[in-house]
Amino acid sequence: MGETVHNDVIYVAVNQDVRESKLTLLWTLKTLPVKKLCLLHVHVPFSLNSSSCGLDESEINAIQESELKSSYDSLYKYRDLCTNKGVDEEDVDISLISGYGVGEGIVELIYQNNIRKLVMGAAADPHYSRGMSITSRKAEYVSQHAPDCCKMWLICKGKLIQKREGSFGIGNPSDSFSEFEGFAQKPSKERGRDDDETDSERIRKTEEEPKRAKKEDEETKIKDSEADTSPCPEDFICPISMEIMRDPHVAADGFTYEEKEIRRWLNEGNNKSPITGVRLAHLHLTPNFTLRSLIKDWLHHHPNYRY
């Protein structure tokens, strides 16, 4: 049954499309001894404006309510999958939050529920390759922003890609304990002035660190402001217009485009991905707020960038 875990709840982040997270959930049920499980889902509502889409407020609300119901229906299907694998229905909970960023929503749920064990996708299954690392921006975001006490398993195509051990306090508890043991066993004759000098040096470096960091940051800003021809990160470029995005949106193929460009593509009758050529599962677009924030920050540090 895999490694031993405590009796606390195992949380599994799932997408609305059951096909996208089915293998992740099955990996959890097969590998971890599940006694209590909670399905996490971040519902991203459609951003509809009555003046631009031609619908009145009641019609927009009906569409959004229908989509929310679809999210719950998907969660019930995941729950049925758990019960079919022998987990009691009463031991499977559901936690849903509405937001405009999946990664941000998952992190919020982690803090709200004091989550200590989380399983989520490292990338879409078609992106799987041997020796791969995290390719999903939301998985990367959660991995970076989740509290240290949250242990994470990142899965792709039913295989473990990366595991982050949970820890309590600063750093890894076992590492801190080892360092303490090493200091305690050091012969008393070797301790004294050398240790005093080491401590003084450590204090001096600690005091100087903020000043050094501030100086480097100021130098970087000056350098960036003069870099009119600085290359823009590839992820910031729309695959259609080949220009830096201002309003990035994610399509059904998992790729991000400038909203007006991908909408023009879809309005022209195209129902296939501009990149892969594969038929799109749906024509809905989701705002990529994380990428938008990164682009905005990059442009702030490159005010003279020509685009």
Protein backbone atom coordinates (compact mmCIF):
# COMPACT_ATOMS: atom_id res chain seq x y z
CA MET A 1 0.00 0.00 0.00
CA GLY A 2 2.99 2.34 -0.27
CA GLU A 3 4.38 4.51 2.46
CA THR A 4 2.71 4.93 5.81
CA VAL A 5 0.86 8.13 6.56
CA HIS A 6 -0.93 9.35 9.65
CA ASN A 7 -4.68 9.13 10.14
CA ASP A 8 -5.27 12.69 8.96
CA VAL A 9 -7.16 13.51 5.78
CA ILE A 10 -5.54 13.13 2.38
CA TYR A 11 -6.63 15.93 0.03
CA VAL A 12 -6.68 15.47 -3.73
CA ALA A 13 -6.97 18.46 -6.08
CA VAL A 14 -9.10 17.58 -9.12
CA ASN A 15 -10.15 19.31 -12.34
CA GLN A 16 -13.70 19.67 -13.60
CA ASP A 17 -12.99 17.25 -16.47
CA VAL A 18 -12.86 13.86 -14.73
CA ARG A 19 -10.56 12.50 -17.43
CA GLU A 20 -7.87 15.01 -16.44
CA SER A 21 -7.56 13.95 -12.77
CA LYS A 22 -8.80 10.37 -12.80
CA LEU A 23 -5.31 8.84 -12.86
CA THR A 24 -4.15 11.18 -10.09
CA LEU A 25 -7.00 10.06 -7.87
CA LEU A 26 -6.44 6.39 -8.74
CA TRP A 27 -2.74 6.75 -7.85
CA THR A 28 -3.77 8.12 -4.46
CA LEU A 29 -6.20 5.28 -3.77
CA LYS A 30 -3.66 2.67 -4.85
CA THR A 31 -0.50 4.08 -3.26
CA LEU A 32 -1.57 5.82 -0.05
CA PRO A 33 -3.55 4.04 2.70
CA VAL A 34 -6.60 6.26 2.50
CA LYS A 35 -8.87 6.31 5.55
CA LYS A 36 -10.30 9.78 5.01
CA LEU A 37 -10.16 11.67 1.73
CA CYS A 38 -11.28 15.12 0.58
CA LEU A 39 -11.67 16.19 -3.04
CA LEU A 40 -10.53 19.78 -3.71
CA HIS A 41 -11.74 21.77 -6.66
CA VAL A 42 -11.33 25.41 -7.66
CA HIS A 43 -14.28 26.52 -9.76
CA VAL A 44 -13.32 29.24 -12.25
CA PRO A 45 -16.51 31.10 -13.28
CA PHE A 46 -16.88 32.46 -16.76
CA SER A 47 -16.12 36.15 -17.07
CA LEU A 48 -19.20 37.39 -18.95
CA ASN A 49 -20.19 40.98 -19.49
CA SER A 50 -23.75 41.77 -20.59
CA SER A 51 -22.59 44.64 -22.80
CA SER A 52 -20.09 42.52 -24.73
CA CYS A 53 -21.83 39.13 -24.91
CA GLY A 54 -25.36 40.37 -25.63
CA LEU A 55 -26.92 38.51 -22.69
CA ASP A 56 -28.90 40.02 -19.86
CA GLU A 57 -27.96 39.58 -16.21
CA SER A 58 -30.40 36.71 -15.59
CA GLU A 59 -29.03 34.74 -18.55
CA ILE A 60 -25.47 35.27 -17.36
CA ASN A 61 -26.39 34.10 -13.87
CA ALA A 62 -28.08 31.02 -15.33
CA ILE A 63 -24.94 30.13 -17.29
CA GLN A 64 -22.70 30.60 -14.26
CA GLU A 65 -25.01 28.53 -12.06
CA SER A 66 -25.05 25.78 -14.67
CA GLU A 67 -21.26 25.72 -14.74
CA LEU A 68 -21.09 25.60 -10.95
CA LYS A 69 -23.49 22.65 -11.00
CA SER A 70 -21.23 20.94 -13.54
CA SER A 71 -18.30 21.33 -11.15
CA TYR A 72 -20.27 19.66 -8.36
CA ASP A 73 -21.41 16.90 -10.72
CA SER A 74 -17.76 16.20 -11.53
CA LEU A 75 -16.91 16.02 -7.83
CA TYR A 76 -19.70 13.49 -7.31
CA LYS A 77 -18.24 11.38 -10.14
CA TYR A 78 -14.85 11.46 -8.44
CA ARG A 79 -16.55 10.41 -5.21
CA ASP A 80 -18.20 7.49 -6.99
CA LEU A 81 -14.78 6.47 -8.25
CA CYS A 82 -13.53 6.39 -4.65
CA THR A 83 -16.45 4.29 -3.44
CA ASN A 84 -15.98 1.89 -6.33
CA LYS A 85 -12.44 1.38 -5.07
CA GLY A 86 -13.64 0.46 -1.59
CA VAL A 87 -13.66 3.81 0.22
CA ASP A 88 -16.79 4.43 2.28
CA GLU A 89 -18.85 7.32 0.94
CA GLU A 90 -18.93 8.93 4.39
CA ASP A 91 -15.12 9.05 4.30
CA VAL A 92 -15.03 11.12 1.11
CA ASP A 93 -15.61 14.86 1.55
CA ILE A 94 -15.83 17.63 -1.02
CA SER A 95 -14.35 21.12 -0.79
CA LEU A 96 -15.02 23.66 -3.55
CA ILE A 97 -14.02 27.29 -3.84
CA SER A 98 -14.73 29.80 -6.62
CA GLY A 99 -11.84 31.90 -7.84
CA TYR A 100 -10.02 33.24 -10.86
CA GLY A 101 -6.79 31.37 -10.27
CA VAL A 102 -6.60 27.62 -9.68
CA GLY A 103 -3.20 27.71 -7.98
CA GLU A 104 -4.20 30.58 -5.74
CA GLY A 105 -7.48 28.87 -4.89
CA ILE A 106 -5.76 25.63 -3.89
CA VAL A 107 -3.34 27.51 -1.65
CA GLU A 108 -6.27 29.31 -0.03
CA LEU A 109 -7.97 25.96 0.62
CA ILE A 110 -4.76 24.61 2.12
CA TYR A 111 -4.73 27.41 4.68
CA GLN A 112 -8.47 27.27 5.29
CA ASN A 113 -8.48 23.52 5.93
CA ASN A 114 -5.03 23.29 7.55
CA ILE A 115 -4.11 20.69 4.93
CA ARG A 116 -1.10 18.54 5.79
CA LYS A 117 -1.21 16.08 2.86
CA LEU A 118 -2.04 17.09 -0.72
CA VAL A 119 -1.99 15.17 -4.00
CA MET A 120 -2.33 17.08 -7.27
CA GLY A 121 -1.35 16.92 -10.92
CA ALA A 122 2.15 17.99 -11.92
CA ALA A 123 1.03 18.52 -15.52
CA ALA A 124 -1.60 17.41 -18.01
CA ASP A 125 -1.23 13.70 -18.83
CA PRO A 126 -0.26 14.30 -22.51
CA HIS A 127 2.81 16.18 -21.25
CA TYR A 128 4.17 13.16 -19.42
CA SER A 129 7.72 12.02 -20.19
CA ARG A 130 10.24 9.99 -18.26
CA GLY A 131 12.34 12.15 -15.96
CA MET A 132 10.02 15.12 -16.36
CA SER A 133 9.65 17.89 -13.78
CA ILE A 134 6.68 20.09 -12.95
CA THR A 135 5.25 21.76 -16.08
CA SER A 136 1.93 22.98 -14.68
CA ARG A 137 2.03 26.61 -13.58
CA LYS A 138 -0.63 25.97 -10.95
CA ALA A 139 1.35 23.03 -9.51
CA GLU A 140 4.48 25.19 -9.44
CA TYR A 141 2.56 27.98 -7.73
CA VAL A 142 1.10 25.68 -5.08
CA SER A 143 4.48 24.04 -4.47
CA GLN A 144 6.06 27.46 -3.88
CA HIS A 145 3.29 29.04 -1.79
CA ALA A 146 1.88 26.18 0.27
CA PRO A 147 2.97 26.21 3.93
CA ASP A 148 5.98 24.10 4.88
CA CYS A 149 3.83 21.75 6.94
CA CYS A 150 1.95 20.57 3.83
CA LYS A 151 3.35 17.40 2.32
CA MET A 152 2.73 17.16 -1.43
CA TRP A 153 2.71 14.44 -4.07
CA LEU A 154 2.74 15.72 -7.68
CA ILE A 155 1.39 13.22 -10.20
CA CYS A 156 1.28 12.97 -13.99
CA LYS A 157 -0.35 10.16 -15.95
CA GLY A 158 -0.68 8.10 -12.78
CA LYS A 159 3.02 8.35 -11.90
CA LEU A 160 4.79 10.19 -9.09
CA ILE A 161 6.79 13.08 -10.56
CA GLN A 162 7.86 14.92 -7.43
CA LYS A 163 7.28 14.77 -3.68
CA ARG A 164 7.67 17.60 -1.20
CA GLU A 165 8.11 16.53 2.40
CA GLY A 166 6.12 18.44 4.98
CA SER A 167 7.98 20.03 7.86
CA PHE A 168 7.08 21.98 10.96
CA GLY A 169 8.82 25.26 11.69
CA ILE A 170 11.71 26.55 9.58
CA GLY A 171 13.46 24.03 7.38
CA ASN A 172 13.40 20.26 7.70
CA PRO A 173 13.09 19.13 11.34
CA SER A 174 15.46 16.20 10.81
CA ASP A 175 18.10 18.47 9.31
CA SER A 176 17.87 20.87 12.25
CA PHE A 177 18.15 17.99 14.69
CA SER A 178 21.25 16.64 12.93
CA GLU A 179 22.95 20.02 13.06
CA PHE A 180 22.19 20.30 16.78
CA GLU A 181 23.62 16.85 17.44
CA GLY A 182 26.80 17.68 15.54
CA PHE A 183 27.33 20.82 17.63
CA ALA A 184 26.65 19.02 20.91
CA GLN A 185 29.19 16.29 20.17
CA LYS A 186 31.96 18.72 19.29
CA PRO A 187 34.83 18.41 21.83
CA SER A 188 34.85 21.26 24.34
CA LYS A 189 38.53 22.01 23.64
CA GLU A 190 37.69 22.90 20.06
CA ARG A 191 35.02 25.34 21.14
CA GLY A 192 35.82 28.81 22.43
CA ARG A 193 37.35 31.65 20.50
CA ASP A 194 36.84 30.03 17.11
CA ASP A 195 33.14 29.64 17.84
CA ASP A 196 32.93 33.22 19.09
CA GLU A 197 34.49 34.44 15.87
CA THR A 198 32.14 32.29 13.82
CA ASP A 199 29.12 33.68 15.65
CA SER A 200 30.33 37.25 15.18
CA GLU A 201 30.89 36.64 11.50
CA ARG A 202 27.41 35.16 11.19
CA ILE A 203 25.84 38.17 12.92
CA ARG A 204 27.76 40.57 10.69
CA LYS A 205 26.59 38.79 7.54
CA THR A 206 23.03 38.78 8.80
CA GLU A 207 23.11 42.53 9.39
CA GLU A 208 24.68 43.23 6.00
CA GLU A 209 22.37 40.98 4.00
CA PRO A 210 19.39 43.41 3.76
CA LYS A 211 21.69 46.23 2.63
CA ARG A 212 23.34 44.04 0.01
CA ALA A 213 20.00 42.76 -1.28
CA LYS A 214 18.62 46.31 -1.52
CA LYS A 215 21.69 47.48 -3.43
CA GLU A 216 21.46 44.57 -5.87
CA ASP A 217 17.75 45.22 -6.40
CA GLU A 218 18.39 48.90 -7.17
CA GLU A 219 21.19 48.00 -9.57
CA THR A 220 18.94 45.48 -11.30
CA LYS A 221 16.15 48.05 -11.70
CA ILE A 222 18.58 50.57 -13.19
CA LYS A 223 20.00 47.96 -15.54
CA ASP A 224 16.56 46.73 -16.59
CA SER A 225 15.27 50.25 -17.21
CA GLU A 226 18.08 50.79 -19.73
CA ALA A 227 17.51 47.48 -21.55
CA ASP A 228 15.25 48.55 -24.38
CA THR A 229 16.06 45.40 -26.33
CA SER A 230 15.87 42.93 -23.45
CA PRO A 231 14.44 39.61 -24.69
CA CYS A 232 10.96 38.97 -23.37
CA PRO A 233 10.43 35.56 -21.68
CA GLU A 234 8.94 33.12 -24.18
CA ASP A 235 6.03 32.28 -21.89
CA PHE A 236 4.91 35.91 -22.11
CA ILE A 237 4.49 35.75 -25.90
CA CYS A 238 1.15 34.92 -27.49
CA PRO A 239 1.60 31.92 -29.85
CA ILE A 240 -0.75 33.55 -32.38
CA SER A 241 0.33 37.20 -32.53
CA MET A 242 3.89 36.51 -31.34
CA GLU A 243 3.63 39.63 -29.18
CA ILE A 244 3.73 40.03 -25.41
CA MET A 245 0.34 39.31 -23.85
CA ARG A 246 -1.66 41.83 -21.88
CA ASP A 247 -4.73 39.71 -21.11
CA PRO A 248 -3.60 36.05 -21.19
CA HIS A 249 -6.32 33.38 -21.28
CA VAL A 250 -6.06 29.59 -21.19
CA ALA A 251 -7.87 27.61 -23.88
CA ALA A 252 -9.05 23.99 -23.72
CA ASP A 253 -5.71 22.79 -25.11
CA GLY A 254 -3.96 23.99 -21.95
CA PHE A 255 -2.02 26.73 -23.74
CA THR A 256 -2.26 30.44 -22.98
CA TYR A 257 -3.06 33.09 -25.59
CA GLU A 258 -3.85 36.79 -25.75
CA GLU A 259 -7.62 36.85 -25.27
CA LYS A 260 -8.49 38.91 -28.33
CA GLU A 261 -6.28 36.71 -30.54
CA ILE A 262 -7.70 33.36 -29.41
CA ARG A 263 -11.27 34.73 -29.51
CA ARG A 264 -10.70 35.92 -33.08
CA TRP A 265 -9.39 32.44 -33.91
CA LEU A 266 -12.48 30.79 -32.42
CA ASN A 267 -14.93 33.30 -33.91
CA GLU A 268 -13.56 32.50 -37.35
CA GLY A 269 -14.91 28.98 -36.96
CA ASN A 270 -11.74 27.25 -35.84
CA ASN A 271 -12.39 24.47 -33.33
CA LYS A 272 -8.86 23.08 -33.21
CA SER A 273 -5.85 24.13 -31.16
CA PRO A 274 -3.69 26.73 -32.95
CA ILE A 275 -0.63 24.88 -31.60
CA THR A 276 -1.39 21.15 -31.67
CA GLY A 277 -4.11 21.06 -34.31
CA VAL A 278 -6.16 18.77 -32.07
CA ARG A 279 -9.89 19.43 -31.76
CA LEU A 280 -10.68 21.50 -28.67
CA ALA A 281 -12.84 19.84 -26.01
CA HIS A 282 -14.71 23.13 -25.56
CA LEU A 283 -14.45 26.78 -26.57
CA HIS A 284 -14.35 28.31 -23.11
CA LEU A 285 -11.46 30.54 -22.04
CA THR A 286 -10.10 31.00 -18.53
CA PRO A 287 -8.19 34.14 -17.42
CA ASN A 288 -4.59 33.37 -16.48
CA PHE A 289 -4.22 35.82 -13.61
CA THR A 290 -0.92 34.38 -12.43
CA LEU A 291 0.75 34.93 -15.79
CA ARG A 292 -0.86 38.35 -16.15
CA SER A 293 0.69 39.36 -12.82
CA LEU A 294 4.11 38.06 -13.89
CA ILE A 295 3.93 39.97 -17.17
CA LYS A 296 2.86 43.14 -15.40
CA ASP A 297 5.75 42.83 -12.95
CA TRP A 298 8.24 42.18 -15.77
CA LEU A 299 7.03 45.22 -17.71
CA HIS A 300 7.34 47.29 -14.54
CA HIS A 301 11.03 46.41 -14.40
CA HIS A 302 11.42 46.95 -18.16
CA PRO A 303 9.57 50.27 -18.73
CA ASN A 304 11.40 50.91 -21.99
CA TYR A 305 10.64 47.52 -23.50
CA ARG A 306 9.41 47.90 -27.06
CA TYR A 307 6.43 45.75 -27.96
